[in-house]
Amino acid sequence: MKPPAEAHSGPATSRPPQARRLRELSAQQWKSGAAAWLGWTFDGLDMHLYTLVYVQFVAQLIGAKTSLDPAVGRYGSIIQGAFMLGWALGGGFFGRIGDRLGRSRTLSLTILTYAAFTGLSAFAHTWWQLGIFRFLAALGIGGEWAVGASLLSETWPRRWRPWIAAVLQTGVNVGILMAVLAHYLMAGIVATQPRWLFLVGVAPALMVFWIRRAVPETEEWTQAKAGVGEVRPHIRDLFQPGIRRTTWLVIAVCALGLTGHWAFMFWNQIQFRNLPDVIGLDARAKGEWGRNLLYLVIVSSIAGNFVAAWLARRFGYRRVIAAMSVGYFLAMTACYATEHPHQRLYYLLALPGFFQGLFALYTMYLPPLFPTLLRTTGAGFCYNIGRVVSAVGVVFFGLFGTVGNYRLSLLLAGCLFLPAAGVAILLPELRDVPDKVPEPAD
């Protein structure tokens, strides 16, 4: 049965013959792809500037004498929780705007939002001011995910979706590496004044001028909007018969997977820096280890993106999402079931990095599960409910840590990938062949 929301999505849109080679892509497809990729790249940059300096910066803001002060981890996790909450709300908010105003215009708004408030984070003088700026920046970062994913799913060939997902997710990884590079180039400044690293995050705002001039709205969105007139679908349509089951399953798999993932991304740095053979190093040496660690995880993640894409082409999205989730659980167990010397743990952390490739599949898998005029709303709402849960989860799992030791927190968070794998198997299948769109069943 077709979901009632489908009735709001307007007449069926016809696509031109699917391009089979890069040279067959149109100028619009290249521009849309570049805009989405750059948006995601700067997402990664602005998202991870905080993780590189939060220990030092939060310690300064609260007047702590050492990063071992439990208050640093507590307030740092609250700020990260605020970021995750803003990320979730931004996905829902800008998702609705994207379905009403169009993909290109909304993409510009999201980039301006996260660039402006990342830059303003440099001027925070209390931990709660930093939390507010990170929350507001996250509104734009969360919104860009759903808008960029929908922009590409509506303009690029369906059969290329797994590879598009891998390339798009790699944009986030490249952005993180850019953050690492900025941290390296500013190491002398950041060692004493970590706040100034956030000014790097203003750069993406310059890209908006090009997007507004060069990237048109998608034909699929334009036709769907014209077909419905003044009628607009609502978030409640996601819970109508025919699509309700898919909505709940997507919420569950996102909530479980993202909570485990972000607990790892947030706590692994402070856990590593406080290992017995690392804790005695000076701030600059610890910062170098932090950069190297993030570099290793991200390079491994890029490899995971493309392996996941290749597997999805052969076995389908839901099976590969489930398998990669199990792999993430096993990787976290290998890293944190026992305490390792820092050099051994460093190389083991490439394993959870690799299995982060599962999130690349969300990019092209989730939006097509929903009707056109519910696409950014549906993908953004479900994905970002998961972010709300992960915001709480980052703080919750931190409660299991002791002073400077979050190994148990990380081990328990990794267990969430097992139920995530079980839920993923129940999701609808989506095959990337022309003229076949999934029909979610209730």
Protein backbone atom coordinates (compact mmCIF):
# COMPACT_ATOMS: atom_id res chain seq x y z
CA MET A 1 0.00 0.00 0.00
CA LYS A 2 1.30 3.44 -0.84
CA PRO A 3 1.71 5.83 2.07
CA PRO A 4 -0.93 8.57 2.26
CA ALA A 5 1.88 11.12 2.09
CA GLU A 6 2.51 9.94 -1.45
CA ALA A 7 -0.72 11.63 -2.42
CA HIS A 8 0.91 14.93 -1.46
CA SER A 9 4.01 14.38 -3.52
CA GLY A 10 2.49 15.39 -6.82
CA PRO A 11 2.65 13.68 -10.17
CA ALA A 12 5.26 11.11 -10.88
CA THR A 13 8.43 12.71 -12.15
CA SER A 14 10.28 11.32 -15.11
CA ARG A 15 14.05 11.31 -15.13
CA PRO A 16 16.22 11.53 -18.22
CA PRO A 17 18.10 8.38 -19.20
CA GLN A 18 20.43 7.37 -16.41
CA ALA A 19 24.06 8.38 -17.03
CA ARG A 20 26.42 5.42 -17.02
CA ARG A 21 29.71 7.34 -17.25
CA LEU A 22 31.03 10.50 -15.64
CA ARG A 23 31.21 12.32 -18.97
CA GLU A 24 27.46 11.75 -19.46
CA LEU A 25 26.56 13.78 -16.35
CA SER A 26 24.93 17.16 -16.91
CA ALA A 27 26.29 20.49 -15.68
CA GLN A 28 23.48 20.63 -13.09
CA GLN A 29 24.44 17.23 -11.72
CA TRP A 30 28.09 18.26 -11.36
CA LYS A 31 27.14 21.51 -9.63
CA SER A 32 24.70 19.78 -7.28
CA GLY A 33 27.31 17.16 -6.46
CA ALA A 34 29.99 19.76 -5.78
CA ALA A 35 27.67 21.83 -3.57
CA ALA A 36 26.58 18.84 -1.50
CA TRP A 37 30.15 17.53 -1.16
CA LEU A 38 31.55 20.90 -0.10
CA GLY A 39 28.69 21.39 2.34
CA TRP A 40 29.48 18.05 3.94
CA THR A 41 33.22 18.78 3.91
CA PHE A 42 32.77 21.96 5.89
CA ASP A 43 30.28 20.13 8.13
CA GLY A 44 33.15 17.86 9.12
CA LEU A 45 35.49 20.81 9.64
CA ASP A 46 33.17 22.79 11.90
CA MET A 47 31.92 19.68 13.67
CA HIS A 48 35.34 18.47 14.85
CA LEU A 49 37.19 21.65 15.71
CA TYR A 50 35.68 21.27 19.18
CA THR A 51 36.84 17.69 19.71
CA LEU A 52 40.46 18.78 19.10
CA VAL A 53 40.56 21.50 21.77
CA TYR A 54 37.68 20.93 24.15
CA VAL A 55 39.83 19.49 26.97
CA GLN A 56 42.06 22.58 27.08
CA PHE A 57 39.33 25.09 26.29
CA VAL A 58 36.79 23.81 28.79
CA ALA A 59 39.49 23.60 31.47
CA GLN A 60 40.28 27.28 30.83
CA LEU A 61 36.63 28.32 30.84
CA ILE A 62 35.87 26.67 34.20
CA GLY A 63 39.22 27.60 35.77
CA ALA A 64 40.35 23.99 36.25
CA LYS A 65 44.03 23.55 37.12
CA THR A 66 44.36 20.30 35.18
CA SER A 67 42.52 18.40 32.46
CA LEU A 68 42.16 15.53 34.95
CA ASP A 69 39.61 17.56 36.88
CA PRO A 70 36.33 15.56 36.59
CA ALA A 71 34.51 18.83 35.88
CA VAL A 72 36.29 19.10 32.53
CA GLY A 73 34.78 15.84 31.29
CA ARG A 74 31.40 16.66 32.83
CA TYR A 75 31.02 20.14 31.31
CA GLY A 76 32.67 19.03 28.09
CA SER A 77 30.10 16.26 27.67
CA ILE A 78 27.24 18.66 28.45
CA ILE A 79 28.48 20.99 25.70
CA GLN A 80 28.76 18.04 23.32
CA GLY A 81 25.26 16.95 24.33
CA ALA A 82 23.98 20.45 23.51
CA PHE A 83 25.69 20.18 20.14
CA MET A 84 24.03 16.83 19.42
CA LEU A 85 20.64 18.21 20.46
CA GLY A 86 21.07 21.21 18.16
CA TRP A 87 22.17 18.86 15.39
CA ALA A 88 18.94 16.93 15.81
CA LEU A 89 16.67 19.96 15.96
CA GLY A 90 18.45 21.52 12.99
CA GLY A 91 17.83 18.43 10.90
CA GLY A 92 14.11 18.58 11.57
CA PHE A 93 13.87 22.37 11.23
CA PHE A 94 15.88 22.76 8.04
CA GLY A 95 14.39 19.53 6.70
CA ARG A 96 10.97 21.19 6.70
CA ILE A 97 12.43 24.34 5.13
CA GLY A 98 14.11 22.21 2.46
CA ASP A 99 10.81 20.61 1.51
CA ARG A 100 9.12 24.03 1.33
CA LEU A 101 11.77 26.40 -0.08
CA GLY A 102 13.86 23.97 -2.10
CA ARG A 103 17.19 22.21 -1.68
CA SER A 104 19.58 24.87 -3.00
CA ARG A 105 18.29 27.81 -0.98
CA THR A 106 18.10 25.78 2.20
CA LEU A 107 21.62 24.44 1.71
CA SER A 108 22.86 28.04 1.71
CA LEU A 109 21.02 28.82 4.94
CA THR A 110 22.45 25.80 6.74
CA ILE A 111 26.04 26.67 5.76
CA LEU A 112 25.68 30.29 6.88
CA THR A 113 24.29 29.11 10.22
CA TYR A 114 27.05 26.71 11.13
CA ALA A 115 29.84 28.98 9.84
CA ALA A 116 28.67 32.01 11.82
CA PHE A 117 28.19 30.28 15.17
CA THR A 118 31.35 28.19 14.91
CA GLY A 119 33.28 31.43 14.51
CA LEU A 120 31.48 33.00 17.46
CA SER A 121 32.57 30.07 19.67
CA ALA A 122 36.01 31.71 19.76
CA PHE A 123 34.54 34.53 21.84
CA ALA A 124 32.93 32.40 24.55
CA HIS A 125 34.00 33.30 28.10
CA THR A 126 32.03 30.70 30.05
CA TRP A 127 31.31 27.03 29.42
CA TRP A 128 27.59 27.72 28.96
CA GLN A 129 28.27 30.41 26.35
CA LEU A 130 30.34 27.87 24.42
CA GLY A 131 27.47 25.40 24.80
CA ILE A 132 25.01 27.91 23.30
CA PHE A 133 27.26 28.68 20.32
CA ARG A 134 27.86 24.97 19.68
CA PHE A 135 24.11 24.32 19.88
CA LEU A 136 23.36 27.05 17.32
CA ALA A 137 26.16 25.92 14.99
CA ALA A 138 24.78 22.40 15.18
CA LEU A 139 21.40 23.57 13.87
CA GLY A 140 23.06 24.29 10.53
CA ILE A 141 25.25 21.18 10.55
CA GLY A 142 22.24 18.93 11.21
CA GLY A 143 20.16 20.64 8.55
CA GLU A 144 22.86 20.34 5.89
CA TRP A 145 22.90 16.53 6.14
CA ALA A 146 19.28 16.02 5.10
CA VAL A 147 19.28 18.77 2.47
CA GLY A 148 22.54 17.66 0.84
CA ALA A 149 21.50 14.01 0.78
CA SER A 150 18.15 14.85 -0.83
CA LEU A 151 19.81 17.16 -3.36
CA LEU A 152 21.99 14.33 -4.63
CA SER A 153 19.35 11.60 -4.44
CA GLU A 154 17.15 13.74 -6.75
CA THR A 155 19.81 14.68 -9.29
CA TRP A 156 22.33 11.84 -9.62
CA PRO A 157 21.70 8.38 -11.14
CA ARG A 158 20.02 5.93 -8.79
CA ARG A 159 22.38 3.11 -9.73
CA TRP A 160 25.30 5.20 -8.42
CA ARG A 161 23.81 5.76 -4.97
CA PRO A 162 26.27 3.60 -2.96
CA TRP A 163 29.28 5.28 -4.57
CA ILE A 164 27.70 8.72 -4.18
CA ALA A 165 27.13 7.94 -0.50
CA ALA A 166 30.77 6.93 -0.08
CA VAL A 167 32.06 10.06 -1.81
CA LEU A 168 29.69 12.31 0.15
CA GLN A 169 30.66 10.77 3.48
CA THR A 170 34.30 11.14 2.47
CA GLY A 171 33.60 14.88 2.30
CA VAL A 172 32.97 14.79 6.07
CA ASN A 173 36.22 12.85 6.52
CA VAL A 174 38.15 15.39 4.44
CA GLY A 175 36.63 18.17 6.54
CA ILE A 176 37.85 16.46 9.71
CA LEU A 177 41.33 16.15 8.20
CA MET A 178 41.16 19.87 7.41
CA ALA A 179 40.39 20.49 11.09
CA VAL A 180 43.41 18.37 12.03
CA LEU A 181 45.57 20.33 9.57
CA ALA A 182 44.34 23.66 10.97
CA HIS A 183 45.14 22.42 14.48
CA TYR A 184 48.64 21.45 13.32
CA LEU A 185 49.30 24.77 11.57
CA MET A 186 48.05 26.70 14.61
CA ALA A 187 49.72 24.42 17.18
CA GLY A 188 51.76 27.22 18.72
CA ILE A 189 48.67 29.39 19.23
CA VAL A 190 46.31 26.56 20.20
CA ALA A 191 48.68 25.30 22.91
CA THR A 192 47.91 28.42 24.97
CA GLN A 193 44.75 29.87 23.34
CA PRO A 194 42.65 26.99 21.95
CA ARG A 195 39.69 29.32 21.35
CA TRP A 196 41.18 30.80 18.17
CA LEU A 197 40.91 27.50 16.30
CA PHE A 198 37.16 28.12 15.95
CA LEU A 199 37.76 31.10 13.65
CA VAL A 200 38.74 28.62 10.94
CA GLY A 201 35.09 27.57 10.87
CA VAL A 202 33.97 30.88 9.34
CA ALA A 203 35.49 30.01 5.95
CA PRO A 204 32.50 27.95 4.63
CA ALA A 205 30.31 31.07 4.54
CA LEU A 206 32.15 32.19 1.40
CA MET A 207 30.81 29.16 -0.49
CA VAL A 208 27.21 30.37 -0.18
CA PHE A 209 27.67 33.03 -2.87
CA TRP A 210 28.56 30.37 -5.43
CA ILE A 211 25.72 28.02 -4.41
CA ARG A 212 23.05 30.70 -4.76
CA ARG A 213 24.33 31.69 -8.20
CA ALA A 214 25.23 28.32 -9.73
CA VAL A 215 23.12 25.53 -8.18
CA PRO A 216 19.47 25.35 -9.38
CA GLU A 217 16.61 23.62 -7.60
CA THR A 218 16.08 19.99 -8.54
CA GLU A 219 13.54 19.14 -11.23
CA GLU A 220 11.99 16.45 -9.05
CA TRP A 221 11.32 18.88 -6.18
CA THR A 222 10.06 21.58 -8.57
CA GLN A 223 7.58 19.22 -10.26
CA ALA A 224 6.39 17.79 -6.96
CA LYS A 225 5.81 21.27 -5.55
CA ALA A 226 3.89 22.36 -8.64
CA GLY A 227 1.71 19.26 -8.46
CA VAL A 228 0.43 19.84 -4.94
CA GLY A 229 -0.35 23.55 -5.14
CA GLU A 230 -0.93 24.89 -1.64
CA VAL A 231 -1.23 21.44 -0.04
CA ARG A 232 1.83 20.45 1.97
CA PRO A 233 2.62 17.21 3.78
CA HIS A 234 3.25 17.36 7.52
CA ILE A 235 5.53 15.52 9.91
CA ARG A 236 2.50 13.57 11.17
CA ASP A 237 2.28 11.98 7.71
CA LEU A 238 5.41 10.02 8.61
CA PHE A 239 3.27 8.07 11.09
CA GLN A 240 0.36 7.24 8.78
CA PRO A 241 -0.32 3.64 7.69
CA GLY A 242 1.93 2.60 4.85
CA ILE A 243 5.03 4.45 6.04
CA ARG A 244 4.75 4.35 9.84
CA ARG A 245 6.69 1.09 10.26
CA THR A 246 9.59 2.40 8.16
CA THR A 247 9.66 5.64 10.16
CA TRP A 248 9.95 3.83 13.51
CA LEU A 249 12.60 1.42 12.25
CA VAL A 250 14.74 4.23 10.82
CA ILE A 251 14.45 6.16 14.10
CA ALA A 252 15.55 3.09 16.07
CA VAL A 253 18.56 2.19 13.91
CA CYS A 254 19.75 5.81 13.86
CA ALA A 255 19.31 6.28 17.62
CA LEU A 256 21.24 3.12 18.50
CA GLY A 257 24.04 3.52 15.97
CA LEU A 258 24.61 7.25 16.45
CA THR A 259 24.68 6.98 20.23
CA GLY A 260 27.41 4.33 20.10
CA HIS A 261 29.31 6.24 17.41
CA TRP A 262 29.30 9.62 19.11
CA ALA A 263 30.18 8.16 22.49
CA PHE A 264 33.28 6.77 20.75
CA MET A 265 34.12 9.98 18.88
CA PHE A 266 33.81 12.09 22.03
CA TRP A 267 35.32 9.88 24.74
CA ASN A 268 38.13 8.10 22.87
CA GLN A 269 40.33 11.21 22.83
CA ILE A 270 40.18 11.92 26.55
CA GLN A 271 40.58 8.19 27.31
CA PHE A 272 43.73 8.03 25.18
CA ARG A 273 45.25 11.23 26.57
CA ASN A 274 44.90 9.91 30.12
CA LEU A 275 46.54 6.54 29.59
CA PRO A 276 49.40 5.98 32.10
CA ASP A 277 52.10 6.35 29.43
CA VAL A 278 50.54 9.46 27.83
CA ILE A 279 49.28 11.46 30.79
CA GLY A 280 52.71 12.76 31.76
CA LEU A 281 53.36 14.36 28.37
CA ASP A 282 53.08 18.12 27.92
CA ALA A 283 50.05 19.75 26.24
CA ARG A 284 51.73 20.03 22.87
CA ALA A 285 52.73 16.35 22.80
CA LYS A 286 49.20 15.33 23.82
CA GLY A 287 47.81 17.52 21.07
CA GLU A 288 50.05 15.78 18.55
CA TRP A 289 48.83 12.37 19.69
CA GLY A 290 45.24 13.63 19.43
CA ARG A 291 45.79 14.80 15.84
CA ASN A 292 47.47 11.54 14.85
CA LEU A 293 44.68 9.55 16.45
CA LEU A 294 41.95 11.45 14.65
CA TYR A 295 43.91 11.23 11.40
CA LEU A 296 44.16 7.43 11.70
CA VAL A 297 40.44 7.04 12.49
CA ILE A 298 39.37 9.25 9.58
CA VAL A 299 41.65 7.67 6.98
CA SER A 300 40.33 4.27 8.08
CA SER A 301 36.79 5.63 7.81
CA ILE A 302 37.39 6.73 4.20
CA ALA A 303 38.43 3.17 3.34
CA GLY A 304 35.33 1.91 5.14
CA ASN A 305 33.08 4.21 3.10
CA PHE A 306 34.10 2.64 -0.19
CA VAL A 307 34.14 -0.94 1.09
CA ALA A 308 30.61 -0.41 2.45
CA ALA A 309 29.51 1.03 -0.91
CA TRP A 310 30.92 -1.97 -2.79
CA LEU A 311 29.22 -4.40 -0.41
CA ALA A 312 25.89 -2.53 -0.68
CA ARG A 313 25.97 -2.90 -4.46
CA ARG A 314 26.32 -6.66 -4.06
CA PHE A 315 24.19 -7.43 -1.00
CA GLY A 316 21.83 -4.48 -0.46
CA TYR A 317 21.87 -1.64 2.05
CA ARG A 318 20.15 -3.17 5.06
CA ARG A 319 22.30 -6.30 5.17
CA VAL A 320 25.50 -4.29 4.93
CA ILE A 321 24.33 -1.76 7.53
CA ALA A 322 23.65 -4.70 9.87
CA ALA A 323 27.03 -6.34 9.13
CA MET A 324 28.97 -3.08 9.59
CA SER A 325 27.16 -2.47 12.88
CA VAL A 326 28.28 -5.86 14.17
CA GLY A 327 31.79 -5.02 12.99
CA TYR A 328 31.70 -1.71 14.91
CA PHE A 329 30.72 -3.62 18.07
CA LEU A 330 33.58 -6.10 17.66
CA ALA A 331 36.04 -3.26 16.98
CA MET A 332 35.01 -1.39 20.15
CA THR A 333 35.34 -4.61 22.13
CA ALA A 334 38.83 -5.21 20.75
CA CYS A 335 39.89 -1.70 21.75
CA TYR A 336 38.38 -1.46 25.22
CA ALA A 337 37.69 -4.92 26.68
CA THR A 338 41.19 -4.75 28.20
CA GLU A 339 43.60 -1.89 28.75
CA HIS A 340 46.27 -1.64 26.06
CA PRO A 341 49.54 0.30 25.94
CA HIS A 342 49.01 3.53 24.04
CA GLN A 343 50.97 2.48 20.94
CA ARG A 344 48.96 -0.74 20.54
CA LEU A 345 45.65 1.04 21.19
CA TYR A 346 46.58 3.65 18.59
CA TYR A 347 46.67 1.07 15.80
CA LEU A 348 43.63 -0.83 17.10
CA LEU A 349 41.57 2.36 16.78
CA ALA A 350 41.77 2.01 13.00
CA LEU A 351 39.14 -0.76 13.39
CA PRO A 352 36.22 1.37 14.69
CA GLY A 353 37.31 3.99 12.16
CA PHE A 354 36.88 1.50 9.33
CA PHE A 355 33.41 0.39 10.43
CA GLN A 356 32.23 3.99 10.53
CA GLY A 357 31.74 3.41 6.81
CA LEU A 358 28.26 2.18 7.73
CA PHE A 359 27.11 5.80 8.14
CA ALA A 360 27.97 6.56 4.52
CA LEU A 361 25.16 4.19 3.53
CA TYR A 362 22.58 6.21 5.48
CA THR A 363 23.18 9.11 3.10
CA MET A 364 21.59 7.61 -0.01
CA TYR A 365 19.52 4.89 1.66
CA LEU A 366 17.30 6.94 3.96
CA PRO A 367 15.91 9.79 1.77
CA PRO A 368 14.41 7.54 -0.99
CA LEU A 369 12.44 5.62 1.65
CA PHE A 370 10.15 8.67 1.89
CA PRO A 371 7.95 10.50 -0.70
CA THR A 372 9.48 13.48 -2.51
CA LEU A 373 7.88 16.28 -0.47
CA LEU A 374 8.59 14.40 2.77
CA ARG A 375 12.12 13.44 1.76
CA THR A 376 14.26 15.90 3.70
CA THR A 377 11.64 15.97 6.47
CA GLY A 378 11.58 12.18 6.79
CA ALA A 379 15.32 11.57 6.53
CA GLY A 380 16.15 14.58 8.68
CA PHE A 381 13.51 13.86 11.33
CA CYS A 382 14.41 10.19 11.77
CA TYR A 383 18.17 10.66 11.63
CA ASN A 384 18.02 13.55 14.03
CA ILE A 385 15.79 11.88 16.57
CA GLY A 386 18.77 9.54 16.73
CA ARG A 387 20.96 12.53 17.42
CA VAL A 388 18.70 13.61 20.31
CA VAL A 389 19.16 10.18 21.85
CA SER A 390 22.91 10.30 21.21
CA ALA A 391 23.10 13.71 22.92
CA VAL A 392 21.75 12.11 26.08
CA GLY A 393 23.85 9.01 25.47
CA VAL A 394 27.17 10.88 25.38
CA VAL A 395 26.43 12.30 28.84
CA PHE A 396 24.95 9.03 30.15
CA PHE A 397 27.86 6.80 29.16
CA GLY A 398 30.26 9.34 30.60
CA LEU A 399 28.79 8.54 34.03
CA PHE A 400 30.44 5.12 33.87
CA GLY A 401 33.89 6.66 33.67
CA THR A 402 36.23 7.36 36.55
CA VAL A 403 38.75 10.19 36.78
CA GLY A 404 40.42 10.20 33.37
CA ASN A 405 39.34 6.62 32.56
CA TYR A 406 36.43 6.12 30.20
CA ARG A 407 37.24 2.61 28.99
CA LEU A 408 34.07 1.13 30.52
CA SER A 409 31.98 3.95 29.03
CA LEU A 410 33.33 3.17 25.57
CA LEU A 411 32.90 -0.58 25.98
CA LEU A 412 29.26 -0.25 27.04
CA ALA A 413 28.50 2.26 24.27
CA GLY A 414 29.86 -0.19 21.71
CA CYS A 415 27.25 -2.75 22.75
CA LEU A 416 24.54 -0.57 21.20
CA PHE A 417 25.66 -1.64 17.73
CA LEU A 418 24.29 -5.15 18.30
CA PRO A 419 20.61 -4.12 18.61
CA ALA A 420 21.24 -1.59 15.81
CA ALA A 421 22.19 -4.52 13.56
CA GLY A 422 19.02 -6.40 14.53
CA VAL A 423 16.80 -3.43 13.67
CA ALA A 424 18.63 -2.80 10.37
CA ILE A 425 17.67 -6.27 9.08
CA LEU A 426 13.99 -5.30 9.43
CA LEU A 427 14.29 -2.18 7.24
CA PRO A 428 12.89 -2.13 3.67
CA GLU A 429 15.30 -3.13 0.93
CA LEU A 430 16.31 -0.55 -1.66
CA ARG A 431 17.83 -1.70 -4.90
CA ASP A 432 19.68 0.89 -6.95
CA VAL A 433 18.24 0.20 -10.38
CA PRO A 434 16.40 2.70 -12.60
CA ASP A 435 12.68 3.29 -12.13
CA LYS A 436 12.37 1.23 -8.95
CA VAL A 437 11.57 3.05 -5.75
CA PRO A 438 10.87 1.18 -2.48
CA GLU A 439 7.29 0.80 -1.30
CA PRO A 440 7.49 0.74 2.51
CA ALA A 441 4.90 -1.64 3.94
CA ASP A 442 3.20 -1.34 7.28
